[in-house]
Amino acid sequence: FADEASAQEFLQLADTPGSGTIIDFATETRRWPGDVPAFANAAYAGA
């Protein structure tokens, strides 16, 4: 982000349950070599 304040505001939103997610890169580009993970009920971490 352009500054730390904008980044902090976005992280607070991302930490809120049900606010959405960032789409997995290999899933979006179909690059997983085998089974494709669904990331349903996934564990989350943000920093």
All heavy atoms as atom14 arrays in JSON, in Angstrom:
{
  "sequence": "FADEASAQEFLQLADTPGSGTIIDFATETRRWPGDVPAFANAAYAGA",
  "atom14_mask": [
    [1, 1, 1, 1, 1, 1, 1, 1, 1, 1, 1, 0, 0, 0],
    [1, 1, 1, 1, 1, 0, 0, 0, 0, 0, 0, 0, 0, 0],
    [1, 1, 1, 1, 1, 1, 1, 1, 0, 0, 0, 0, 0, 0],
    [1, 1, 1, 1, 1, 1, 1, 1, 1, 0, 0, 0, 0, 0],
    [1, 1, 1, 1, 1, 0, 0, 0, 0, 0, 0, 0, 0, 0],
    [1, 1, 1, 1, 1, 1, 0, 0, 0, 0, 0, 0, 0, 0],
    [1, 1, 1, 1, 1, 0, 0, 0, 0, 0, 0, 0, 0, 0],
    [1, 1, 1, 1, 1, 1, 1, 1, 1, 0, 0, 0, 0, 0],
    [1, 1, 1, 1, 1, 1, 1, 1, 1, 0, 0, 0, 0, 0],
    [1, 1, 1, 1, 1, 1, 1, 1, 1, 1, 1, 0, 0, 0],
    [1, 1, 1, 1, 1, 1, 1, 1, 0, 0, 0, 0, 0, 0],
    [1, 1, 1, 1, 1, 1, 1, 1, 1, 0, 0, 0, 0, 0],
    [1, 1, 1, 1, 1, 1, 1, 1, 0, 0, 0, 0, 0, 0],
    [1, 1, 1, 1, 1, 0, 0, 0, 0, 0, 0, 0, 0, 0],
    [1, 1, 1, 1, 1, 1, 1, 1, 0, 0, 0, 0, 0, 0],
    [1, 1, 1, 1, 1, 1, 1, 0, 0, 0, 0, 0, 0, 0],
    [1, 1, 1, 1, 1, 1, 1, 0, 0, 0, 0, 0, 0, 0],
    [1, 1, 1, 1, 0, 0, 0, 0, 0, 0, 0, 0, 0, 0],
    [1, 1, 1, 1, 1, 1, 0, 0, 0, 0, 0, 0, 0, 0],
    [1, 1, 1, 1, 0, 0, 0, 0, 0, 0, 0, 0, 0, 0],
    [1, 1, 1, 1, 1, 1, 1, 0, 0, 0, 0, 0, 0, 0],
    [1, 1, 1, 1, 1, 1, 1, 1, 0, 0, 0, 0, 0, 0],
    [1, 1, 1, 1, 1, 1, 1, 1, 0, 0, 0, 0, 0, 0],
    [1, 1, 1, 1, 1, 1, 1, 1, 0, 0, 0, 0, 0, 0],
    [1, 1, 1, 1, 1, 1, 1, 1, 1, 1, 1, 0, 0, 0],
    [1, 1, 1, 1, 1, 0, 0, 0, 0, 0, 0, 0, 0, 0],
    [1, 1, 1, 1, 1, 1, 1, 0, 0, 0, 0, 0, 0, 0],
    [1, 1, 1, 1, 1, 1, 1, 1, 1, 0, 0, 0, 0, 0],
    [1, 1, 1, 1, 1, 1, 1, 0, 0, 0, 0, 0, 0, 0],
    [1, 1, 1, 1, 1, 1, 1, 1, 1, 1, 1, 0, 0, 0],
    [1, 1, 1, 1, 1, 1, 1, 1, 1, 1, 1, 0, 0, 0],
    [1, 1, 1, 1, 1, 1, 1, 1, 1, 1, 1, 1, 1, 1],
    [1, 1, 1, 1, 1, 1, 1, 0, 0, 0, 0, 0, 0, 0],
    [1, 1, 1, 1, 0, 0, 0, 0, 0, 0, 0, 0, 0, 0],
    [1, 1, 1, 1, 1, 1, 1, 1, 0, 0, 0, 0, 0, 0],
    [1, 1, 1, 1, 1, 1, 1, 0, 0, 0, 0, 0, 0, 0],
    [1, 1, 1, 1, 1, 1, 1, 0, 0, 0, 0, 0, 0, 0],
    [1, 1, 1, 1, 1, 0, 0, 0, 0, 0, 0, 0, 0, 0],
    [1, 1, 1, 1, 1, 1, 1, 1, 1, 1, 1, 0, 0, 0],
    [1, 1, 1, 1, 1, 0, 0, 0, 0, 0, 0, 0, 0, 0],
    [1, 1, 1, 1, 1, 1, 1, 1, 0, 0, 0, 0, 0, 0],
    [1, 1, 1, 1, 1, 0, 0, 0, 0, 0, 0, 0, 0, 0],
    [1, 1, 1, 1, 1, 0, 0, 0, 0, 0, 0, 0, 0, 0],
    [1, 1, 1, 1, 1, 1, 1, 1, 1, 1, 1, 1, 0, 0],
    [1, 1, 1, 1, 1, 0, 0, 0, 0, 0, 0, 0, 0, 0],
    [1, 1, 1, 1, 0, 0, 0, 0, 0, 0, 0, 0, 0, 0],
    [1, 1, 1, 1, 1, 0, 0, 0, 0, 0, 0, 0, 0, 0]
  ],
  "atom14_positions": [
    [[0.84, -1.19, 0.0], [0.0, 0.0, 0.0], [0.88, 1.25, 0.0], [2.09, 1.19, 0.23], [-0.93, 0.0, 1.21], [-1.98, -1.07, 1.16], [-1.72, -2.35, 1.64], [-3.23, -0.81, 0.62], [-2.69, -3.34, 1.57], [-4.2, -1.79, 0.56], [-3.93, -3.06, 1.03], [0.0, 0.0, 0.0], [0.0, 0.0, 0.0], [0.0, 0.0, 0.0]],
    [[0.24, 2.37, -0.24], [1.0, 3.62, -0.35], [1.59, 4.05, 0.99], [2.64, 4.67, 1.03], [0.1, 4.73, -0.92], [0.0, 0.0, 0.0], [0.0, 0.0, 0.0], [0.0, 0.0, 0.0], [0.0, 0.0, 0.0], [0.0, 0.0, 0.0], [0.0, 0.0, 0.0], [0.0, 0.0, 0.0], [0.0, 0.0, 0.0], [0.0, 0.0, 0.0]],
    [[0.93, 3.72, 2.09], [1.43, 4.11, 3.4], [1.0, 3.06, 4.43], [0.16, 2.2, 4.16], [0.92, 5.49, 3.81], [-0.58, 5.63, 3.65], [-1.31, 4.92, 4.36], [-1.01, 6.43, 2.81], [0.0, 0.0, 0.0], [0.0, 0.0, 0.0], [0.0, 0.0, 0.0], [0.0, 0.0, 0.0], [0.0, 0.0, 0.0], [0.0, 0.0, 0.0]],
    [[1.57, 3.14, 5.6], [1.31, 2.15, 6.64], [-0.11, 2.26, 7.19], [-0.72, 1.26, 7.57], [2.32, 2.31, 7.78], [2.23, 1.23, 8.84], [3.36, 1.3, 9.85], [4.32, 2.06, 9.59], [3.27, 0.6, 10.87], [0.0, 0.0, 0.0], [0.0, 0.0, 0.0], [0.0, 0.0, 0.0], [0.0, 0.0, 0.0], [0.0, 0.0, 0.0]],
    [[-0.67, 3.49, 7.2], [-2.03, 3.65, 7.71], [-3.03, 2.91, 6.83], [-3.95, 2.25, 7.33], [-2.38, 5.14, 7.79], [0.0, 0.0, 0.0], [0.0, 0.0, 0.0], [0.0, 0.0, 0.0], [0.0, 0.0, 0.0], [0.0, 0.0, 0.0], [0.0, 0.0, 0.0], [0.0, 0.0, 0.0], [0.0, 0.0, 0.0], [0.0, 0.0, 0.0]],
    [[-2.87, 3.0, 5.51], [-3.77, 2.28, 4.6], [-3.61, 0.78, 4.78], [-4.6, 0.03, 4.74], [-3.48, 2.68, 3.16], [-3.65, 4.07, 2.96], [0.0, 0.0, 0.0], [0.0, 0.0, 0.0], [0.0, 0.0, 0.0], [0.0, 0.0, 0.0], [0.0, 0.0, 0.0], [0.0, 0.0, 0.0], [0.0, 0.0, 0.0], [0.0, 0.0, 0.0]],
    [[-2.38, 0.33, 4.96], [-2.15, -1.11, 5.16], [-2.79, -1.58, 6.46], [-3.4, -2.67, 6.51], [-0.65, -1.39, 5.17], [0.0, 0.0, 0.0], [0.0, 0.0, 0.0], [0.0, 0.0, 0.0], [0.0, 0.0, 0.0], [0.0, 0.0, 0.0], [0.0, 0.0, 0.0], [0.0, 0.0, 0.0], [0.0, 0.0, 0.0], [0.0, 0.0, 0.0]],
    [[-2.68, -0.79, 7.54], [-3.26, -1.18, 8.81], [-4.78, -1.26, 8.72], [-5.41, -2.19, 9.25], [-2.87, -0.16, 9.88], [-3.45, -0.45, 11.26], [-2.89, -1.73, 11.87], [-1.68, -1.96, 11.81], [-3.74, -2.56, 12.43], [0.0, 0.0, 0.0], [0.0, 0.0, 0.0], [0.0, 0.0, 0.0], [0.0, 0.0, 0.0], [0.0, 0.0, 0.0]],
    [[-5.4, -0.32, 8.01], [-6.86, -0.34, 7.84], [-7.31, -1.57, 7.05], [-8.31, -2.2, 7.39], [-7.29, 0.94, 7.12], [-8.79, 1.07, 6.96], [-9.19, 2.36, 6.27], [-8.29, 3.18, 5.96], [-10.4, 2.54, 6.01], [0.0, 0.0, 0.0], [0.0, 0.0, 0.0], [0.0, 0.0, 0.0], [0.0, 0.0, 0.0], [0.0, 0.0, 0.0]],
    [[-6.55, -1.94, 6.03], [-6.91, -3.12, 5.24], [-6.74, -4.39, 6.06], [-7.56, -5.31, 5.97], [-6.05, -3.19, 3.98], [-6.4, -4.34, 3.08], [-7.48, -4.26, 2.21], [-5.66, -5.51, 3.09], [-7.81, -5.33, 1.39], [-5.98, -6.57, 2.28], [-7.06, -6.48, 1.41], [0.0, 0.0, 0.0], [0.0, 0.0, 0.0], [0.0, 0.0, 0.0]],
    [[-5.71, -4.47, 6.88], [-5.5, -5.66, 7.71], [-6.63, -5.82, 8.71], [-7.08, -6.94, 8.98], [-4.15, -5.57, 8.41], [-3.81, -6.74, 9.35], [-3.77, -8.05, 8.57], [-2.49, -6.5, 10.05], [0.0, 0.0, 0.0], [0.0, 0.0, 0.0], [0.0, 0.0, 0.0], [0.0, 0.0, 0.0], [0.0, 0.0, 0.0], [0.0, 0.0, 0.0]],
    [[-7.1, -4.73, 9.3], [-8.23, -4.82, 10.23], [-9.46, -5.39, 9.55], [-10.19, -6.2, 10.14], [-8.52, -3.44, 10.81], [-7.46, -2.92, 11.77], [-7.77, -1.54, 12.29], [-8.75, -0.92, 11.87], [-6.94, -1.03, 13.19], [0.0, 0.0, 0.0], [0.0, 0.0, 0.0], [0.0, 0.0, 0.0], [0.0, 0.0, 0.0], [0.0, 0.0, 0.0]],
    [[-9.69, -4.99, 8.29], [-10.82, -5.55, 7.55], [-10.6, -7.02, 7.25], [-11.53, -7.84, 7.37], [-11.03, -4.76, 6.26], [-12.15, -5.24, 5.34], [-13.5, -5.15, 6.04], [-12.17, -4.43, 4.04], [0.0, 0.0, 0.0], [0.0, 0.0, 0.0], [0.0, 0.0, 0.0], [0.0, 0.0, 0.0], [0.0, 0.0, 0.0], [0.0, 0.0, 0.0]],
    [[-9.38, -7.39, 6.86], [-9.1, -8.79, 6.54], [-9.22, -9.68, 7.77], [-9.59, -10.86, 7.65], [-7.7, -8.92, 5.94], [0.0, 0.0, 0.0], [0.0, 0.0, 0.0], [0.0, 0.0, 0.0], [0.0, 0.0, 0.0], [0.0, 0.0, 0.0], [0.0, 0.0, 0.0], [0.0, 0.0, 0.0], [0.0, 0.0, 0.0], [0.0, 0.0, 0.0]],
    [[-8.94, -9.14, 8.95], [-9.06, -9.93, 10.18], [-10.51, -10.14, 10.6], [-10.78, -10.96, 11.49], [-8.31, -9.23, 11.33], [-6.8, -9.3, 11.15], [-6.34, -10.15, 10.38], [-6.09, -8.5, 11.78], [0.0, 0.0, 0.0], [0.0, 0.0, 0.0], [0.0, 0.0, 0.0], [0.0, 0.0, 0.0], [0.0, 0.0, 0.0], [0.0, 0.0, 0.0]],
    [[-11.44, -9.43, 9.99], [-12.86, -9.57, 10.33], [-13.44, -10.82, 9.67], [-13.35, -10.96, 8.45], [-13.65, -8.34, 9.87], [-13.07, -7.16, 10.45], [-15.11, -8.45, 10.29], [0.0, 0.0, 0.0], [0.0, 0.0, 0.0], [0.0, 0.0, 0.0], [0.0, 0.0, 0.0], [0.0, 0.0, 0.0], [0.0, 0.0, 0.0], [0.0, 0.0, 0.0]],
    [[-14.01, -11.75, 10.42], [-14.58, -12.96, 9.79], [-15.67, -12.61, 8.8], [-16.5, -11.72, 9.02], [-15.15, -13.75, 10.98], [-14.4, -13.23, 12.17], [-14.11, -11.79, 11.89], [0.0, 0.0, 0.0], [0.0, 0.0, 0.0], [0.0, 0.0, 0.0], [0.0, 0.0, 0.0], [0.0, 0.0, 0.0], [0.0, 0.0, 0.0], [0.0, 0.0, 0.0]],
    [[-15.64, -13.28, 7.66], [-16.65, -13.08, 6.63], [-16.4, -11.9, 5.73], [-17.29, -11.54, 4.95], [0.0, 0.0, 0.0], [0.0, 0.0, 0.0], [0.0, 0.0, 0.0], [0.0, 0.0, 0.0], [0.0, 0.0, 0.0], [0.0, 0.0, 0.0], [0.0, 0.0, 0.0], [0.0, 0.0, 0.0], [0.0, 0.0, 0.0], [0.0, 0.0, 0.0]],
    [[-15.21, -11.28, 5.8], [-14.95, -10.09, 4.98], [-14.38, -10.43, 3.61], [-14.15, -9.52, 2.8], [-13.98, -9.16, 5.71], [-12.74, -9.82, 5.97], [0.0, 0.0, 0.0], [0.0, 0.0, 0.0], [0.0, 0.0, 0.0], [0.0, 0.0, 0.0], [0.0, 0.0, 0.0], [0.0, 0.0, 0.0], [0.0, 0.0, 0.0], [0.0, 0.0, 0.0]],
    [[-14.17, -11.71, 3.31], [-13.62, -12.09, 2.01], [-12.2, -12.59, 2.14], [-11.66, -12.74, 3.25], [0.0, 0.0, 0.0], [0.0, 0.0, 0.0], [0.0, 0.0, 0.0], [0.0, 0.0, 0.0], [0.0, 0.0, 0.0], [0.0, 0.0, 0.0], [0.0, 0.0, 0.0], [0.0, 0.0, 0.0], [0.0, 0.0, 0.0], [0.0, 0.0, 0.0]],
    [[-11.55, -12.79, 1.01], [-10.2, -13.34, 1.02], [-9.49, -12.94, -0.27], [-10.09, -12.35, -1.17], [-10.24, -14.87, 1.16], [-8.9, -15.36, 1.3], [-10.87, -15.51, -0.06], [0.0, 0.0, 0.0], [0.0, 0.0, 0.0], [0.0, 0.0, 0.0], [0.0, 0.0, 0.0], [0.0, 0.0, 0.0], [0.0, 0.0, 0.0], [0.0, 0.0, 0.0]],
    [[-8.21, -13.31, -0.35], [-7.43, -13.15, -1.57], [-7.38, -14.51, -2.26], [-7.05, -15.52, -1.63], [-6.0, -12.64, -1.27], [-6.06, -11.32, -0.51], [-5.23, -12.46, -2.57], [-6.73, -10.19, -1.26], [0.0, 0.0, 0.0], [0.0, 0.0, 0.0], [0.0, 0.0, 0.0], [0.0, 0.0, 0.0], [0.0, 0.0, 0.0], [0.0, 0.0, 0.0]],
    [[-7.72, -14.55, -3.53], [-7.81, -15.82, -4.26], [-6.42, -16.45, -4.39], [-5.43, -15.78, -4.69], [-8.41, -15.58, -5.66], [-9.79, -14.93, -5.52], [-8.52, -16.89, -6.43], [-10.39, -14.49, -6.84], [0.0, 0.0, 0.0], [0.0, 0.0, 0.0], [0.0, 0.0, 0.0], [0.0, 0.0, 0.0], [0.0, 0.0, 0.0], [0.0, 0.0, 0.0]],
    [[-6.36, -17.75, -4.15], [-5.09, -18.48, -4.25], [-4.57, -18.43, -5.68], [-5.32, -18.6, -6.65], [-5.3, -19.93, -3.81], [-4.08, -20.78, -4.04], [-3.02, -20.45, -3.48], [-4.16, -21.75, -4.81], [0.0, 0.0, 0.0], [0.0, 0.0, 0.0], [0.0, 0.0, 0.0], [0.0, 0.0, 0.0], [0.0, 0.0, 0.0], [0.0, 0.0, 0.0]],
    [[-3.26, -18.18, -5.82], [-2.68, -17.99, -7.16], [-2.72, -19.27, -7.99], [-3.13, -19.25, -9.16], [-1.24, -17.49, -7.03], [-0.58, -17.21, -8.36], [-0.88, -16.06, -9.06], [0.31, -18.11, -8.93], [-0.29, -15.79, -10.29], [0.9, -17.86, -10.15], [0.6, -16.7, -10.83], [0.0, 0.0, 0.0], [0.0, 0.0, 0.0], [0.0, 0.0, 0.0]],
    [[-2.29, -20.39, -7.43], [-2.28, -21.63, -8.2], [-3.69, -22.09, -8.57], [-3.9, -22.69, -9.62], [-1.55, -22.73, -7.42], [0.0, 0.0, 0.0], [0.0, 0.0, 0.0], [0.0, 0.0, 0.0], [0.0, 0.0, 0.0], [0.0, 0.0, 0.0], [0.0, 0.0, 0.0], [0.0, 0.0, 0.0], [0.0, 0.0, 0.0], [0.0, 0.0, 0.0]],
    [[-4.65, -21.82, -7.7], [-6.04, -22.17, -8.03], [-6.55, -21.31, -9.17], [-7.2, -21.8, -10.09], [-6.93, -21.98, -6.78], [-6.44, -22.81, -5.72], [-8.37, -22.36, -7.09], [0.0, 0.0, 0.0], [0.0, 0.0, 0.0], [0.0, 0.0, 0.0], [0.0, 0.0, 0.0], [0.0, 0.0, 0.0], [0.0, 0.0, 0.0], [0.0, 0.0, 0.0]],
    [[-6.25, -20.01, -9.13], [-6.71, -19.09, -10.17], [-6.08, -19.4, -11.52], [-6.73, -19.3, -12.57], [-6.4, -17.66, -9.76], [-6.96, -16.6, -10.69], [-6.62, -15.2, -10.23], [-5.43, -14.82, -10.31], [-7.53, -14.5, -9.77], [0.0, 0.0, 0.0], [0.0, 0.0, 0.0], [0.0, 0.0, 0.0], [0.0, 0.0, 0.0], [0.0, 0.0, 0.0]],
    [[-4.81, -19.79, -11.52], [-4.09, -20.07, -12.77], [-4.04, -21.55, -13.12], [-3.38, -21.92, -14.08], [-2.66, -19.53, -12.66], [-1.99, -20.14, -11.54], [-2.67, -18.02, -12.48], [0.0, 0.0, 0.0], [0.0, 0.0, 0.0], [0.0, 0.0, 0.0], [0.0, 0.0, 0.0], [0.0, 0.0, 0.0], [0.0, 0.0, 0.0], [0.0, 0.0, 0.0]],
    [[-4.71, -22.38, -12.32], [-4.76, -23.84, -12.57], [-3.35, -24.43, -12.61], [-2.99, -25.15, -13.54], [-5.51, -24.14, -13.86], [-6.95, -23.65, -13.85], [-7.66, -23.99, -15.13], [-9.04, -23.52, -15.12], [-9.9, -23.68, -16.12], [-9.53, -24.32, -17.21], [-11.12, -23.22, -16.02], [0.0, 0.0, 0.0], [0.0, 0.0, 0.0], [0.0, 0.0, 0.0]],
    [[-2.57, -24.15, -11.59], [-1.18, -24.6, -11.56], [-0.94, -25.68, -10.49], [0.21, -26.09, -10.32], [-0.27, -23.39, -11.28], [-0.39, -22.28, -12.33], [0.57, -22.48, -13.48], [1.93, -22.32, -13.04], [2.54, -21.13, -12.92], [1.88, -20.02, -13.19], [3.8, -21.07, -12.54], [0.0, 0.0, 0.0], [0.0, 0.0, 0.0], [0.0, 0.0, 0.0]],
    [[-1.97, -26.07, -9.75], [-1.76, -27.15, -8.79], [-1.47, -28.44, -9.55], [-2.19, -28.79, -10.49], [-2.97, -27.32, -7.9], [-3.08, -26.28, -6.82], [-3.92, -25.22, -6.8], [-2.31, -26.21, -5.63], [-3.72, -24.48, -5.66], [-2.73, -25.06, -4.92], [-1.29, -27.0, -5.08], [-2.18, -24.69, -3.7], [-0.75, -26.63, -3.86], [-1.19, -25.5, -3.18]],
    [[-0.45, -29.2, -9.18], [-0.1, -30.4, -9.95], [-1.11, -31.53, -9.82], [-1.23, -32.36, -10.71], [1.26, -30.8, -9.35], [1.27, -30.22, -7.97], [0.49, -28.95, -8.06], [0.0, 0.0, 0.0], [0.0, 0.0, 0.0], [0.0, 0.0, 0.0], [0.0, 0.0, 0.0], [0.0, 0.0, 0.0], [0.0, 0.0, 0.0], [0.0, 0.0, 0.0]],
    [[-1.84, -31.6, -8.74], [-2.81, -32.68, -8.53], [-4.14, -32.15, -8.07], [-4.76, -31.32, -8.74], [0.0, 0.0, 0.0], [0.0, 0.0, 0.0], [0.0, 0.0, 0.0], [0.0, 0.0, 0.0], [0.0, 0.0, 0.0], [0.0, 0.0, 0.0], [0.0, 0.0, 0.0], [0.0, 0.0, 0.0], [0.0, 0.0, 0.0], [0.0, 0.0, 0.0]],
    [[-4.58, -32.63, -6.92], [-5.85, -32.16, -6.37], [-5.78, -30.67, -6.06], [-4.76, -30.16, -5.57], [-6.19, -32.94, -5.09], [-6.42, -34.42, -5.36], [-6.78, -34.73, -6.52], [-6.24, -35.23, -4.45], [0.0, 0.0, 0.0], [0.0, 0.0, 0.0], [0.0, 0.0, 0.0], [0.0, 0.0, 0.0], [0.0, 0.0, 0.0], [0.0, 0.0, 0.0]],
    [[-6.87, -29.99, -6.33], [-6.95, -28.54, -6.09], [-7.58, -28.3, -4.72], [-8.71, -28.74, -4.48], [-7.77, -27.84, -7.19], [-7.86, -26.34, -6.92], [-7.16, -28.11, -8.55], [0.0, 0.0, 0.0], [0.0, 0.0, 0.0], [0.0, 0.0, 0.0], [0.0, 0.0, 0.0], [0.0, 0.0, 0.0], [0.0, 0.0, 0.0], [0.0, 0.0, 0.0]],
    [[-6.9, -27.62, -3.82], [-7.49, -27.37, -2.49], [-8.64, -26.39, -2.59], [-8.62, -25.45, -3.38], [-6.32, -26.8, -1.69], [-5.42, -26.21, -2.72], [-5.55, -27.07, -3.95], [0.0, 0.0, 0.0], [0.0, 0.0, 0.0], [0.0, 0.0, 0.0], [0.0, 0.0, 0.0], [0.0, 0.0, 0.0], [0.0, 0.0, 0.0], [0.0, 0.0, 0.0]],
    [[-9.65, -26.58, -1.74], [-10.82, -25.7, -1.75], [-10.66, -24.51, -0.82], [-11.35, -23.51, -0.97], [-12.07, -26.49, -1.35], [0.0, 0.0, 0.0], [0.0, 0.0, 0.0], [0.0, 0.0, 0.0], [0.0, 0.0, 0.0], [0.0, 0.0, 0.0], [0.0, 0.0, 0.0], [0.0, 0.0, 0.0], [0.0, 0.0, 0.0], [0.0, 0.0, 0.0]],
    [[-9.76, -24.6, 0.16], [-9.56, -23.57, 1.18], [-10.86, -23.21, 1.88], [-11.07, -22.07, 2.29], [-8.93, -22.31, 0.56], [-7.48, -22.5, 0.17], [-7.12, -22.72, -1.15], [-6.49, -22.49, 1.14], [-5.8, -22.91, -1.5], [-5.15, -22.68, 0.79], [-4.8, -22.9, -0.54], [0.0, 0.0, 0.0], [0.0, 0.0, 0.0], [0.0, 0.0, 0.0]],
    [[-11.76, -24.19, 2.0], [-12.98, -24.02, 2.8], [-12.65, -24.35, 4.25], [-11.97, -25.34, 4.54], [-14.08, -24.93, 2.28], [0.0, 0.0, 0.0], [0.0, 0.0, 0.0], [0.0, 0.0, 0.0], [0.0, 0.0, 0.0], [0.0, 0.0, 0.0], [0.0, 0.0, 0.0], [0.0, 0.0, 0.0], [0.0, 0.0, 0.0], [0.0, 0.0, 0.0]],
    [[-13.13, -23.52, 5.17], [-12.83, -23.66, 6.6], [-11.32, -23.67, 6.84], [-10.81, -24.41, 7.68], [-13.46, -24.93, 7.16], [-14.96, -24.91, 7.09], [-15.6, -23.98, 7.55], [-15.53, -25.94, 6.49], [0.0, 0.0, 0.0], [0.0, 0.0, 0.0], [0.0, 0.0, 0.0], [0.0, 0.0, 0.0], [0.0, 0.0, 0.0], [0.0, 0.0, 0.0]],
    [[-10.6, -22.84, 6.08], [-9.15, -22.78, 6.2], [-8.74, -21.98, 7.42], [-9.48, -21.11, 7.91], [-8.55, -22.16, 4.94], [0.0, 0.0, 0.0], [0.0, 0.0, 0.0], [0.0, 0.0, 0.0], [0.0, 0.0, 0.0], [0.0, 0.0, 0.0], [0.0, 0.0, 0.0], [0.0, 0.0, 0.0], [0.0, 0.0, 0.0], [0.0, 0.0, 0.0]],
    [[-7.54, -22.26, 7.92], [-6.95, -21.44, 8.97], [-6.39, -20.17, 8.34], [-5.92, -20.17, 7.2], [-5.86, -22.21, 9.7], [0.0, 0.0, 0.0], [0.0, 0.0, 0.0], [0.0, 0.0, 0.0], [0.0, 0.0, 0.0], [0.0, 0.0, 0.0], [0.0, 0.0, 0.0], [0.0, 0.0, 0.0], [0.0, 0.0, 0.0], [0.0, 0.0, 0.0]],
    [[-6.43, -19.08, 9.12], [-6.05, -17.76, 8.59], [-5.0, -17.12, 9.49], [-5.02, -17.3, 10.72], [-7.28, -16.86, 8.51], [-6.97, -15.38, 8.4], [-6.65, -14.8, 7.18], [-6.98, -14.57, 9.54], [-6.34, -13.45, 7.09], [-6.68, -13.21, 9.45], [-6.37, -12.66, 8.22], [-6.06, -11.33, 8.13], [0.0, 0.0, 0.0], [0.0, 0.0, 0.0]],
    [[-4.09, -16.39, 8.87], [-3.12, -15.59, 9.62], [-2.83, -14.33, 8.82], [-2.76, -14.37, 7.59], [-1.83, -16.36, 9.87], [0.0, 0.0, 0.0], [0.0, 0.0, 0.0], [0.0, 0.0, 0.0], [0.0, 0.0, 0.0], [0.0, 0.0, 0.0], [0.0, 0.0, 0.0], [0.0, 0.0, 0.0], [0.0, 0.0, 0.0], [0.0, 0.0, 0.0]],
    [[-2.71, -13.22, 9.51], [-2.4, -11.95, 8.86], [-1.37, -11.19, 9.66], [-1.3, -11.31, 10.89], [0.0, 0.0, 0.0], [0.0, 0.0, 0.0], [0.0, 0.0, 0.0], [0.0, 0.0, 0.0], [0.0, 0.0, 0.0], [0.0, 0.0, 0.0], [0.0, 0.0, 0.0], [0.0, 0.0, 0.0], [0.0, 0.0, 0.0], [0.0, 0.0, 0.0]],
    [[-0.55, -10.38, 8.96], [0.49, -9.62, 9.64], [0.78, -8.37, 8.85], [0.55, -8.31, 7.62], [1.76, -10.46, 9.82], [0.0, 0.0, 0.0], [0.0, 0.0, 0.0], [0.0, 0.0, 0.0], [0.0, 0.0, 0.0], [0.0, 0.0, 0.0], [0.0, 0.0, 0.0], [0.0, 0.0, 0.0], [0.0, 0.0, 0.0], [0.0, 0.0, 0.0]]
  ]
}
